[in-house]
Amino acid sequence: MSKLRRLSGKQVVAVFTEFGFRVVDQYGSHMKLRRDAMAGSQTLTVPAHTQLDPGTLRAIIRQASRFIPEEELRPHFYR
């Protein structure tokens, strides 16, 4: 099984900007990303921490896989 990379919140935001998301709000240490799609707006929340815990990163990937196929996400988050 592939190993999950250790990424910061800013690195995760950079990945999702490649998929058309943009930062629309930040409250404390959490950034809200959004992109508009034909089915409505799609929203993700990413902590702005220097290093995300593996469980948090997996939860973000799981949340994003509702909008983006997991095959497209995998190269960005796994080795």
N, C-alpha and C. Protein backbone atom coordinates (compact mmCIF):
# COMPACT_ATOMS: atom_id res chain seq x y z
N MET A 1 0.84 -1.18 0.00
CA MET A 1 0.00 0.00 0.00
C MET A 1 0.88 1.25 0.00
N SER A 2 0.45 2.28 -0.68
CA SER A 2 1.20 3.53 -0.76
C SER A 2 1.19 4.23 0.58
N LYS A 3 2.23 5.02 0.80
CA LYS A 3 2.35 5.74 2.06
C LYS A 3 1.84 7.17 1.88
N LEU A 4 1.10 7.64 2.86
CA LEU A 4 0.55 9.00 2.84
C LEU A 4 1.67 10.00 3.08
N ARG A 5 1.71 11.05 2.27
CA ARG A 5 2.72 12.09 2.43
C ARG A 5 2.38 12.96 3.63
N ARG A 6 3.39 13.61 4.20
CA ARG A 6 3.18 14.57 5.28
C ARG A 6 3.15 15.95 4.63
N LEU A 7 2.00 16.59 4.64
CA LEU A 7 1.81 17.87 3.96
C LEU A 7 1.32 18.93 4.93
N SER A 8 1.58 20.18 4.59
CA SER A 8 1.04 21.30 5.37
C SER A 8 -0.31 21.70 4.77
N GLY A 9 -1.02 22.53 5.50
CA GLY A 9 -2.30 23.02 4.99
C GLY A 9 -2.14 23.81 3.70
N LYS A 10 -1.08 24.61 3.62
CA LYS A 10 -0.84 25.40 2.40
C LYS A 10 -0.54 24.50 1.21
N GLN A 11 0.17 23.38 1.43
CA GLN A 11 0.45 22.45 0.34
C GLN A 11 -0.84 21.79 -0.15
N VAL A 12 -1.73 21.46 0.78
CA VAL A 12 -3.00 20.84 0.41
C VAL A 12 -3.84 21.84 -0.38
N VAL A 13 -3.86 23.10 0.04
CA VAL A 13 -4.60 24.13 -0.70
C VAL A 13 -4.04 24.26 -2.11
N ALA A 14 -2.72 24.21 -2.26
CA ALA A 14 -2.09 24.30 -3.59
C ALA A 14 -2.55 23.16 -4.49
N VAL A 15 -2.70 21.96 -3.93
CA VAL A 15 -3.18 20.82 -4.72
C VAL A 15 -4.60 21.08 -5.20
N PHE A 16 -5.46 21.56 -4.30
CA PHE A 16 -6.85 21.76 -4.68
C PHE A 16 -7.06 22.95 -5.60
N THR A 17 -6.15 23.91 -5.60
CA THR A 17 -6.27 25.01 -6.57
C THR A 17 -6.04 24.48 -7.99
N GLU A 18 -5.25 23.41 -8.12
CA GLU A 18 -5.08 22.78 -9.43
C GLU A 18 -6.39 22.18 -9.94
N PHE A 19 -7.28 21.83 -9.02
CA PHE A 19 -8.58 21.25 -9.39
C PHE A 19 -9.68 22.31 -9.47
N GLY A 20 -9.31 23.58 -9.38
CA GLY A 20 -10.28 24.66 -9.57
C GLY A 20 -10.85 25.23 -8.29
N PHE A 21 -10.38 24.81 -7.13
CA PHE A 21 -10.86 25.38 -5.87
C PHE A 21 -10.12 26.67 -5.59
N ARG A 22 -10.75 27.55 -4.82
CA ARG A 22 -10.11 28.79 -4.39
C ARG A 22 -10.46 29.03 -2.92
N VAL A 23 -9.59 29.73 -2.22
CA VAL A 23 -9.85 30.05 -0.82
C VAL A 23 -10.86 31.19 -0.80
N VAL A 24 -12.00 30.95 -0.12
CA VAL A 24 -13.04 31.98 -0.05
C VAL A 24 -13.17 32.58 1.34
N ASP A 25 -12.66 31.88 2.36
CA ASP A 25 -12.78 32.38 3.72
C ASP A 25 -11.76 31.69 4.61
N GLN A 26 -11.37 32.36 5.66
CA GLN A 26 -10.53 31.74 6.67
C GLN A 26 -11.00 32.22 8.02
N TYR A 27 -11.27 31.27 8.90
CA TYR A 27 -11.69 31.59 10.24
C TYR A 27 -10.73 30.90 11.19
N GLY A 28 -9.88 31.67 11.85
CA GLY A 28 -8.88 31.08 12.71
C GLY A 28 -7.88 30.31 11.86
N SER A 29 -7.70 29.04 12.19
CA SER A 29 -6.72 28.24 11.47
C SER A 29 -7.36 27.32 10.43
N HIS A 30 -8.57 27.62 10.00
CA HIS A 30 -9.24 26.78 9.00
C HIS A 30 -9.58 27.61 7.77
N MET A 31 -9.19 27.08 6.60
CA MET A 31 -9.47 27.73 5.34
C MET A 31 -10.62 27.01 4.66
N LYS A 32 -11.52 27.79 4.10
CA LYS A 32 -12.65 27.23 3.37
C LYS A 32 -12.38 27.39 1.88
N LEU A 33 -12.38 26.28 1.15
CA LEU A 33 -12.15 26.28 -0.29
C LEU A 33 -13.46 26.00 -0.99
N ARG A 34 -13.63 26.63 -2.13
CA ARG A 34 -14.88 26.42 -2.86
C ARG A 34 -14.61 26.47 -4.35
N ARG A 35 -15.38 25.69 -5.08
CA ARG A 35 -15.39 25.81 -6.54
C ARG A 35 -16.84 25.65 -6.98
N ASP A 36 -17.17 26.35 -8.04
CA ASP A 36 -18.52 26.28 -8.58
C ASP A 36 -18.56 25.23 -9.67
N ALA A 37 -19.56 24.37 -9.60
CA ALA A 37 -19.72 23.30 -10.58
C ALA A 37 -21.16 23.33 -11.09
N MET A 38 -21.42 22.52 -12.08
CA MET A 38 -22.76 22.48 -12.65
C MET A 38 -23.79 22.01 -11.62
N ALA A 39 -23.38 21.15 -10.70
CA ALA A 39 -24.29 20.61 -9.69
C ALA A 39 -24.39 21.53 -8.47
N GLY A 40 -23.75 22.68 -8.51
CA GLY A 40 -23.75 23.61 -7.38
C GLY A 40 -22.34 23.83 -6.88
N SER A 41 -22.22 24.58 -5.80
CA SER A 41 -20.88 24.84 -5.28
C SER A 41 -20.38 23.67 -4.45
N GLN A 42 -19.09 23.46 -4.49
CA GLN A 42 -18.44 22.37 -3.76
C GLN A 42 -17.48 23.01 -2.76
N THR A 43 -17.57 22.60 -1.49
CA THR A 43 -16.81 23.23 -0.43
C THR A 43 -15.96 22.21 0.32
N LEU A 44 -14.72 22.58 0.61
CA LEU A 44 -13.81 21.79 1.42
C LEU A 44 -13.25 22.68 2.52
N THR A 45 -12.95 22.09 3.67
CA THR A 45 -12.33 22.82 4.76
C THR A 45 -10.96 22.20 5.04
N VAL A 46 -9.94 23.06 5.09
CA VAL A 46 -8.57 22.59 5.29
C VAL A 46 -7.94 23.40 6.44
N PRO A 47 -7.37 22.73 7.44
CA PRO A 47 -6.67 23.46 8.51
C PRO A 47 -5.39 24.09 7.96
N ALA A 48 -5.06 25.27 8.44
CA ALA A 48 -3.85 25.97 7.99
C ALA A 48 -2.70 25.65 8.93
N HIS A 49 -2.47 24.38 9.19
CA HIS A 49 -1.41 23.95 10.10
C HIS A 49 -0.12 23.70 9.32
N THR A 50 1.01 23.72 10.04
CA THR A 50 2.29 23.50 9.37
C THR A 50 2.46 22.05 8.94
N GLN A 51 1.83 21.11 9.64
CA GLN A 51 1.84 19.71 9.23
C GLN A 51 0.52 19.08 9.68
N LEU A 52 -0.17 18.47 8.73
CA LEU A 52 -1.46 17.84 9.03
C LEU A 52 -1.26 16.42 9.53
N ASP A 53 -2.06 16.04 10.51
CA ASP A 53 -2.03 14.66 10.99
C ASP A 53 -2.52 13.74 9.88
N PRO A 54 -2.04 12.50 9.85
CA PRO A 54 -2.47 11.56 8.81
C PRO A 54 -3.99 11.36 8.78
N GLY A 55 -4.62 11.28 9.94
CA GLY A 55 -6.07 11.10 9.99
C GLY A 55 -6.82 12.29 9.42
N THR A 56 -6.33 13.48 9.70
CA THR A 56 -6.94 14.70 9.16
C THR A 56 -6.79 14.73 7.64
N LEU A 57 -5.61 14.39 7.16
CA LEU A 57 -5.37 14.38 5.73
C LEU A 57 -6.25 13.35 5.03
N ARG A 58 -6.40 12.17 5.63
CA ARG A 58 -7.29 11.15 5.06
C ARG A 58 -8.73 11.64 5.02
N ALA A 59 -9.15 12.35 6.06
CA ALA A 59 -10.52 12.89 6.09
C ALA A 59 -10.73 13.93 4.99
N ILE A 60 -9.73 14.76 4.74
CA ILE A 60 -9.82 15.76 3.67
C ILE A 60 -9.90 15.06 2.31
N ILE A 61 -9.09 14.02 2.12
CA ILE A 61 -9.12 13.28 0.86
C ILE A 61 -10.48 12.61 0.67
N ARG A 62 -11.01 12.03 1.74
CA ARG A 62 -12.33 11.38 1.67
C ARG A 62 -13.42 12.41 1.34
N GLN A 63 -13.33 13.59 1.95
CA GLN A 63 -14.28 14.66 1.67
C GLN A 63 -14.16 15.12 0.21
N ALA A 64 -12.94 15.26 -0.28
CA ALA A 64 -12.71 15.72 -1.64
C ALA A 64 -13.11 14.68 -2.68
N SER A 65 -13.06 13.40 -2.31
CA SER A 65 -13.39 12.35 -3.27
C SER A 65 -14.87 12.34 -3.64
N ARG A 66 -15.68 13.13 -2.94
CA ARG A 66 -17.08 13.30 -3.37
C ARG A 66 -17.15 14.11 -4.65
N PHE A 67 -16.13 14.97 -4.89
CA PHE A 67 -16.12 15.87 -6.03
C PHE A 67 -15.10 15.50 -7.09
N ILE A 68 -13.99 14.89 -6.67
CA ILE A 68 -12.88 14.58 -7.57
C ILE A 68 -12.61 13.08 -7.49
N PRO A 69 -12.47 12.39 -8.62
CA PRO A 69 -12.18 10.95 -8.56
C PRO A 69 -10.90 10.67 -7.77
N GLU A 70 -10.94 9.63 -6.95
CA GLU A 70 -9.82 9.30 -6.09
C GLU A 70 -8.55 8.99 -6.88
N GLU A 71 -8.70 8.46 -8.09
CA GLU A 71 -7.53 8.16 -8.92
C GLU A 71 -6.76 9.44 -9.26
N GLU A 72 -7.46 10.57 -9.37
CA GLU A 72 -6.81 11.83 -9.67
C GLU A 72 -6.17 12.44 -8.42
N LEU A 73 -6.73 12.17 -7.25
CA LEU A 73 -6.20 12.70 -6.00
C LEU A 73 -4.97 11.94 -5.51
N ARG A 74 -4.96 10.65 -5.73
CA ARG A 74 -3.94 9.76 -5.17
C ARG A 74 -2.49 10.20 -5.47
N PRO A 75 -2.13 10.60 -6.69
CA PRO A 75 -0.73 10.98 -6.94
C PRO A 75 -0.27 12.21 -6.14
N HIS A 76 -1.20 13.04 -5.73
CA HIS A 76 -0.84 14.25 -4.99
C HIS A 76 -0.62 14.00 -3.50
N PHE A 77 -1.24 12.93 -2.97
CA PHE A 77 -1.22 12.71 -1.53
C PHE A 77 -0.48 11.45 -1.08
N TYR A 78 -0.20 10.54 -2.00
CA TYR A 78 0.47 9.29 -1.65
C TYR A 78 1.78 9.16 -2.42
N ARG A 79 2.75 8.47 -1.81
CA ARG A 79 4.04 8.22 -2.47
C ARG A 79 3.94 7.03 -3.37
